[in-house]
C-alpha atoms as a PDB file:
ATOM      1  CA  UNK A   1       0.027  -0.046  -0.117  1.00  0.00           C
ATOM      2  CA  UNK A   2       2.858   2.399   0.830  1.00  0.00           C
ATOM      3  CA  UNK A   3       4.382   2.220  -2.653  1.00  0.00           C
ATOM      4  CA  UNK A   4       1.182   2.600  -4.317  1.00  0.00           C
ATOM      5  CA  UNK A   5       1.209   5.878  -2.658  1.00  0.00           C
ATOM      6  CA  UNK A   6       5.272   6.485  -3.752  1.00  0.00           C
ATOM      7  CA  UNK A   7       4.137   5.426  -7.172  1.00  0.00           C
ATOM      8  CA  UNK A   8       1.615   7.986  -7.350  1.00  0.00           C
ATOM      9  CA  UNK A   9       3.078  10.822  -5.968  1.00  0.00           C
ATOM     10  CA  UNK A  10       6.068  10.468  -8.558  1.00  0.00           C
ATOM     11  CA  UNK A  11       3.441  10.030 -11.220  1.00  0.00           C
ATOM     12  CA  UNK A  12       2.080  13.349  -9.862  1.00  0.00           C
ATOM     13  CA  UNK A  13       5.230  14.607  -9.772  1.00  0.00           C
ATOM     14  CA  UNK A  14       6.205  13.898 -13.331  1.00  0.00           C
ATOM     15  CA  UNK A  15       2.655  14.981 -14.787  1.00  0.00           C
ATOM     16  CA  UNK A  16       3.465  18.352 -13.352  1.00  0.00           C
ATOM     17  CA  UNK A  17       7.233  18.584 -14.820  1.00  0.00           C
ATOM     18  CA  UNK A  18       5.543  17.486 -18.384  1.00  0.00           C
ATOM     19  CA  UNK A  19       3.159  20.305 -17.600  1.00  0.00           C
ATOM     20  CA  UNK A  20       5.798  22.751 -17.055  1.00  0.00           C
ATOM     21  CA  UNK A  21       5.148  23.753 -13.779  1.00  0.00           C
ATOM     22  CA  UNK A  22       7.419  22.867 -10.801  1.00  0.00           C
ATOM     23  CA  UNK A  23       7.062  20.294  -8.680  1.00  0.00           C
ATOM     24  CA  UNK A  24       5.259  20.691  -5.350  1.00  0.00           C
ATOM     25  CA  UNK A  25       7.578  20.723  -2.580  1.00  0.00           C
ATOM     26  CA  UNK A  26       6.512  19.592   0.755  1.00  0.00           C
ATOM     27  CA  UNK A  27       6.865  21.617   3.552  1.00  0.00           C
ATOM     28  CA  UNK A  28       8.078  20.835   6.883  1.00  0.00           C
ATOM     29  CA  UNK A  29       6.404  21.794  10.196  1.00  0.00           C
ATOM     30  CA  UNK A  30       9.540  23.712  10.956  1.00  0.00           C
ATOM     31  CA  UNK A  31       8.983  25.430   7.498  1.00  0.00           C
ATOM     32  CA  UNK A  32       5.593  26.292   8.305  1.00  0.00           C
ATOM     33  CA  UNK A  33       6.429  27.711  11.842  1.00  0.00           C
ATOM     34  CA  UNK A  34       9.270  29.901  10.405  1.00  0.00           C
ATOM     35  CA  UNK A  35       6.647  31.256   7.733  1.00  0.00           C
ATOM     36  CA  UNK A  36       4.229  32.175  10.942  1.00  0.00           C
ATOM     37  CA  UNK A  37       7.033  33.290  12.944  1.00  0.00           C
ATOM     38  CA  UNK A  38       8.322  35.803   9.727  1.00  0.00           C
ATOM     39  CA  UNK A  39       4.564  37.245   9.452  1.00  0.00           C
ATOM     40  CA  UNK A  40       4.023  38.072  12.656  1.00  0.00           C
ATOM     41  CA  UNK A  41       7.651  39.715  12.936  1.00  0.00           C
ATOM     42  CA  UNK A  42       7.264  42.881  15.250  1.00  0.00           C
ATOM     43  CA  UNK A  43      10.981  44.080  14.206  1.00  0.00           C
ATOM     44  CA  UNK A  44      12.735  46.705  16.513  1.00  0.00           C
ATOM     45  CA  UNK A  45      13.059  50.587  15.168  1.00  0.00           C
ATOM     46  CA  UNK A  46      15.601  50.378  12.353  1.00  0.00           C
ATOM     47  CA  UNK A  47      16.055  46.727  11.685  1.00  0.00           C
ATOM     48  CA  UNK A  48      15.223  44.884   8.682  1.00  0.00           C
ATOM     49  CA  UNK A  49      14.641  41.506   7.226  1.00  0.00           C
ATOM     50  CA  UNK A  50      15.766  40.463   3.688  1.00  0.00           C
ATOM     51  CA  UNK A  51      15.786  36.920   1.679  1.00  0.00           C
ATOM     52  CA  UNK A  52      18.923  36.739  -0.287  1.00  0.00           C
ATOM     53  CA  UNK A  53      17.557  33.802  -1.967  1.00  0.00           C
ATOM     54  CA  UNK A  54      14.041  35.597  -2.850  1.00  0.00           C
ATOM     55  CA  UNK A  55      11.030  35.043  -0.803  1.00  0.00           C
ATOM     56  CA  UNK A  56      10.451  31.314  -1.118  1.00  0.00           C
ATOM     57  CA  UNK A  57      13.233  30.343   0.610  1.00  0.00           C
ATOM     58  CA  UNK A  58      12.588  31.576   4.185  1.00  0.00           C
ATOM     59  CA  UNK A  59      15.084  29.193   5.687  1.00  0.00           C
ATOM     60  CA  UNK A  60      17.520  31.164   5.286  1.00  0.00           C
ATOM     61  CA  UNK A  61      17.520  35.038   5.540  1.00  0.00           C
ATOM     62  CA  UNK A  62      19.221  38.361   6.773  1.00  0.00           C
ATOM     63  CA  UNK A  63      18.390  40.909   9.359  1.00  0.00           C
ATOM     64  CA  UNK A  64      20.111  44.183   9.738  1.00  0.00           C
ATOM     65  CA  UNK A  65      20.096  45.893  13.196  1.00  0.00           C
ATOM     66  CA  UNK A  66      21.065  49.440  13.537  1.00  0.00           C
ATOM     67  CA  UNK A  67      20.992  50.488  17.265  1.00  0.00           C
ATOM     68  CA  UNK A  68      19.717  53.776  17.780  1.00  0.00           C
ATOM     69  CA  UNK A  69      21.313  54.099  21.394  1.00  0.00           C
ATOM     70  CA  UNK A  70      24.447  52.887  23.084  1.00  0.00           C
ATOM     71  CA  UNK A  71      28.196  52.412  22.188  1.00  0.00           C
ATOM     72  CA  UNK A  72      27.229  51.095  18.512  1.00  0.00           C
ATOM     73  CA  UNK A  73      24.359  53.725  17.928  1.00  0.00           C
ATOM     74  CA  UNK A  74      24.538  54.567  13.884  1.00  0.00           C
ATOM     75  CA  UNK A  75      25.874  50.903  13.050  1.00  0.00           C
ATOM     76  CA  UNK A  76      24.754  48.622  10.803  1.00  0.00           C
ATOM     77  CA  UNK A  77      25.168  45.001  11.386  1.00  0.00           C
ATOM     78  CA  UNK A  78      23.513  41.991   9.172  1.00  0.00           C
ATOM     79  CA  UNK A  79      22.841  38.463  10.765  1.00  0.00           C
ATOM     80  CA  UNK A  80      22.517  35.271   8.806  1.00  0.00           C
ATOM     81  CA  UNK A  81      19.802  33.103   9.813  1.00  0.00           C
ATOM     82  CA  UNK A  82      19.760  29.553   8.643  1.00  0.00           C
ATOM     83  CA  UNK A  83      16.760  27.459   9.938  1.00  0.00           C
ATOM     84  CA  UNK A  84      16.827  23.629   9.886  1.00  0.00           C
ATOM     85  CA  UNK A  85      13.638  21.334   9.584  1.00  0.00           C
ATOM     86  CA  UNK A  86      13.499  21.156  13.055  1.00  0.00           C
ATOM     87  CA  UNK A  87      12.879  24.341  13.988  1.00  0.00           C
ATOM     88  CA  UNK A  88      11.509  25.327  16.629  1.00  0.00           C
ATOM     89  CA  UNK A  89      12.818  22.395  18.186  1.00  0.00           C
ATOM     90  CA  UNK A  90      16.110  23.680  17.623  1.00  0.00           C
ATOM     91  CA  UNK A  91      17.172  27.042  17.155  1.00  0.00           C
ATOM     92  CA  UNK A  92      18.708  28.813  13.998  1.00  0.00           C
ATOM     93  CA  UNK A  93      21.870  29.421  13.503  1.00  0.00           C
ATOM     94  CA  UNK A  94      22.791  32.685  13.417  1.00  0.00           C
ATOM     95  CA  UNK A  95      25.890  34.321  12.402  1.00  0.00           C
ATOM     96  CA  UNK A  96      27.483  38.067  11.939  1.00  0.00           C
ATOM     97  CA  UNK A  97      28.054  38.569   8.820  1.00  0.00           C
ATOM     98  CA  UNK A  98      29.554  42.463   9.788  1.00  0.00           C
ATOM     99  CA  UNK A  99      32.657  42.534  11.224  1.00  0.00           C
ATOM    100  CA  UNK A 100      32.395  43.800  14.729  1.00  0.00           C
ATOM    101  CA  UNK A 101      34.604  44.912  17.739  1.00  0.00           C
ATOM    102  CA  UNK A 102      31.990  43.189  20.375  1.00  0.00           C
ATOM    103  CA  UNK A 103      32.453  41.192  23.728  1.00  0.00           C
ATOM    104  CA  UNK A 104      29.743  38.862  22.428  1.00  0.00           C
ATOM    105  CA  UNK A 105      30.677  38.320  19.019  1.00  0.00           C
ATOM    106  CA  UNK A 106      33.830  36.891  17.521  1.00  0.00           C
ATOM    107  CA  UNK A 107      35.569  38.023  14.594  1.00  0.00           C
ATOM    108  CA  UNK A 108      34.610  34.860  12.582  1.00  0.00           C
ATOM    109  CA  UNK A 109      30.751  36.196  13.026  1.00  0.00           C
ATOM    110  CA  UNK A 110      29.764  33.767  16.135  1.00  0.00           C
ATOM    111  CA  UNK A 111      27.543  35.314  18.443  1.00  0.00           C
ATOM    112  CA  UNK A 112      27.047  34.423  22.165  1.00  0.00           C
ATOM    113  CA  UNK A 113      23.708  34.639  22.957  1.00  0.00           C
ATOM    114  CA  UNK A 114      22.298  32.345  25.634  1.00  0.00           C
ATOM    115  CA  UNK A 115      18.884  31.542  23.801  1.00  0.00           C
ATOM    116  CA  UNK A 116      20.777  30.314  20.365  1.00  0.00           C
ATOM    117  CA  UNK A 117      22.103  27.611  22.837  1.00  0.00           C
ATOM    118  CA  UNK A 118      21.253  26.331  26.217  1.00  0.00           C
ATOM    119  CA  UNK A 119      18.242  28.580  26.981  1.00  0.00           C
ATOM    120  CA  UNK A 120      16.579  27.843  23.692  1.00  0.00           C
ATOM    121  CA  UNK A 121      13.159  26.306  24.208  1.00  0.00           C
ATOM    122  CA  UNK A 122      10.361  25.871  21.157  1.00  0.00           C
ATOM    123  CA  UNK A 123       8.139  28.369  22.486  1.00  0.00           C
ATOM    124  CA  UNK A 124      10.688  31.257  21.318  1.00  0.00           C
ATOM    125  CA  UNK A 125      10.747  32.634  17.768  1.00  0.00           C
ATOM    126  CA  UNK A 126      12.400  34.880  15.257  1.00  0.00           C
ATOM    127  CA  UNK A 127      11.464  37.864  16.966  1.00  0.00           C
ATOM    128  CA  UNK A 128      13.123  36.788  20.165  1.00  0.00           C
ATOM    129  CA  UNK A 129      16.081  36.210  18.763  1.00  0.00           C
ATOM    130  CA  UNK A 130      16.292  39.465  16.785  1.00  0.00           C
ATOM    131  CA  UNK A 131      15.418  41.447  20.273  1.00  0.00           C
ATOM    132  CA  UNK A 132      18.249  39.748  21.870  1.00  0.00           C
ATOM    133  CA  UNK A 133      20.595  40.550  19.141  1.00  0.00           C
ATOM    134  CA  UNK A 134      19.502  44.196  19.505  1.00  0.00           C
ATOM    135  CA  UNK A 135      20.202  43.969  23.400  1.00  0.00           C
ATOM    136  CA  UNK A 136      23.412  42.831  22.587  1.00  0.00           C
ATOM    137  CA  UNK A 137      24.340  46.174  20.844  1.00  0.00           C
ATOM    138  CA  UNK A 138      22.692  48.218  23.420  1.00  0.00           C
ATOM    139  CA  UNK A 139      23.743  46.231  26.667  1.00  0.00           C
ATOM    140  CA  UNK A 140      27.036  44.183  25.613  1.00  0.00           C
ATOM    141  CA  UNK A 141      27.534  41.958  28.363  1.00  0.00           C
ATOM    142  CA  UNK A 142      31.489  41.701  29.276  1.00  0.00           C
ATOM    143  CA  UNK A 143      30.780  38.734  31.545  1.00  0.00           C
ATOM    144  CA  UNK A 144      30.136  35.702  28.809  1.00  0.00           C
ATOM    145  CA  UNK A 145      32.667  36.886  26.204  1.00  0.00           C
ATOM    146  CA  UNK A 146      33.229  35.251  22.875  1.00  0.00           C
ATOM    147  CA  UNK A 147      35.974  38.382  22.323  1.00  0.00           C
ATOM    148  CA  UNK A 148      37.647  38.126  25.324  1.00  0.00           C
ATOM    149  CA  UNK A 149      39.797  41.344  24.354  1.00  0.00           C
ATOM    150  CA  UNK A 150      36.788  43.483  23.833  1.00  0.00           C
ATOM    151  CA  UNK A 151      35.368  42.373  26.935  1.00  0.00           C
ATOM    152  CA  UNK A 152      38.188  43.171  29.191  1.00  0.00           C
ATOM    153  CA  UNK A 153      38.366  46.536  27.435  1.00  0.00           C
ATOM    154  CA  UNK A 154      34.388  47.091  28.288  1.00  0.00           C
ATOM    155  CA  UNK A 155      35.052  46.051  32.051  1.00  0.00           C
ATOM    156  CA  UNK A 156      37.917  47.856  32.965  1.00  0.00           C
ATOM    157  CA  UNK A 157      37.810  51.248  30.543  1.00  0.00           C
ATOM    158  CA  UNK A 158      34.260  51.819  29.205  1.00  0.00           C
ATOM    159  CA  UNK A 159      35.387  55.180  27.492  1.00  0.00           C
ATOM    160  CA  UNK A 160      38.477  53.317  25.459  1.00  0.00           C
ATOM    161  CA  UNK A 161      35.559  50.507  24.939  1.00  0.00           C
ATOM    162  CA  UNK A 162      33.316  53.314  23.560  1.00  0.00           C
ATOM    163  CA  UNK A 163      36.267  54.888  21.465  1.00  0.00           C
ATOM    164  CA  UNK A 164      37.359  51.389  19.886  1.00  0.00           C
ATOM    165  CA  UNK A 165      33.579  50.715  18.892  1.00  0.00           C
ATOM    166  CA  UNK A 166      33.600  53.794  17.120  1.00  0.00           C
ATOM    167  CA  UNK A 167      36.747  53.781  15.373  1.00  0.00           C
ATOM    168  CA  UNK A 168      35.698  50.165  14.328  1.00  0.00           C
ATOM    169  CA  UNK A 169      32.220  51.200  13.225  1.00  0.00           C
ATOM    170  CA  UNK A 170      33.910  54.145  11.048  1.00  0.00           C
ATOM    171  CA  UNK A 171      36.034  51.802   9.006  1.00  0.00           C
ATOM    172  CA  UNK A 172      39.812  51.798  11.206  1.00  0.00           C
ATOM    173  CA  UNK A 173      42.107  49.778  13.280  1.00  0.00           C
ATOM    174  CA  UNK A 174      41.701  48.699  16.934  1.00  0.00           C
ATOM    175  CA  UNK A 175      44.208  46.516  18.250  1.00  0.00           C
ATOM    176  CA  UNK A 176      45.570  45.209  15.297  1.00  0.00           C
ATOM    177  CA  UNK A 177      42.621  44.189  13.690  1.00  0.00           C
ATOM    178  CA  UNK A 178      41.027  46.163  10.660  1.00  0.00           C
ATOM    179  CA  UNK A 179      37.329  46.855  10.924  1.00  0.00           C
ATOM    180  CA  UNK A 180      35.259  47.725   7.542  1.00  0.00           C
ATOM    181  CA  UNK A 181      33.235  50.560   7.649  1.00  0.00           C
ATOM    182  CA  UNK A 182      29.478  49.638   9.100  1.00  0.00           C
ATOM    183  CA  UNK A 183      27.389  53.082   9.322  1.00  0.00           C
ATOM    184  CA  UNK A 184      23.826  52.798   9.161  1.00  0.00           C
ATOM    185  CA  UNK A 185      22.087  53.843   5.983  1.00  0.00           C
ATOM    186  CA  UNK A 186      18.953  55.280   7.909  1.00  0.00           C
ATOM    187  CA  UNK A 187      18.872  58.744   9.188  1.00  0.00           C
ATOM    188  CA  UNK A 188      17.640  60.524  12.448  1.00  0.00           C
ATOM    189  CA  UNK A 189      14.765  61.809  10.508  1.00  0.00           C
ATOM    190  CA  UNK A 190      13.233  58.379   9.466  1.00  0.00           C
END
C-alpha cells in the first residue's frame, strides 16, 4: 500500500513537470512555523529583514540591526539566519556577517546569546532572537564573552571601549584588526 502512494506521488510529480509546472515541494512543520513567525515579526525600529535567495527560501534570511542608542549607535550589523527543518525544536544558526568589535561576537561572526544555545525553547521565535541581538548592541555583556579582549576593555575602561567601537564602526584599525565601515544607512529623520 505504501509503495502505491509513492508511485502515485511520483506520477503526479512527473505530470506536473511535463506540464511545465515546477514540482510541489512538501513543507516541513519547521518551514510552516518559520513562515508564521516571520509573518508575525514586530521588528525593533531600524531593523530590516531580507531574503537573499528570494521569498521562497524562508529558511535562510538576513536581518540588519541599526541600533539607535548605546555604544553601537549609527552602526549597521547584518546577521545571517539559517533554520533547519527541525525548527522550532532547535534554534536557527545565526552568524554576524559584519565584522564587529564586540565582547559577545567574535571575528568569525559567532554570536554568544544564551537563547541560541542552552536556553532555547520551542516557544521562542525569530522575533525573540532579533530582540536578543538588538539588546547585545544596547547592553554588551562582558561577563559571557567570545571576544575576550573587547570584554576586558569594556570591563576595565568603558571610555576606551566606546572609542574602540566608534573607530571600528567608522572603518579603522583596533588592536591590530581592521574593521570595514559599518555605518547605518538610515537617518534620524526616519
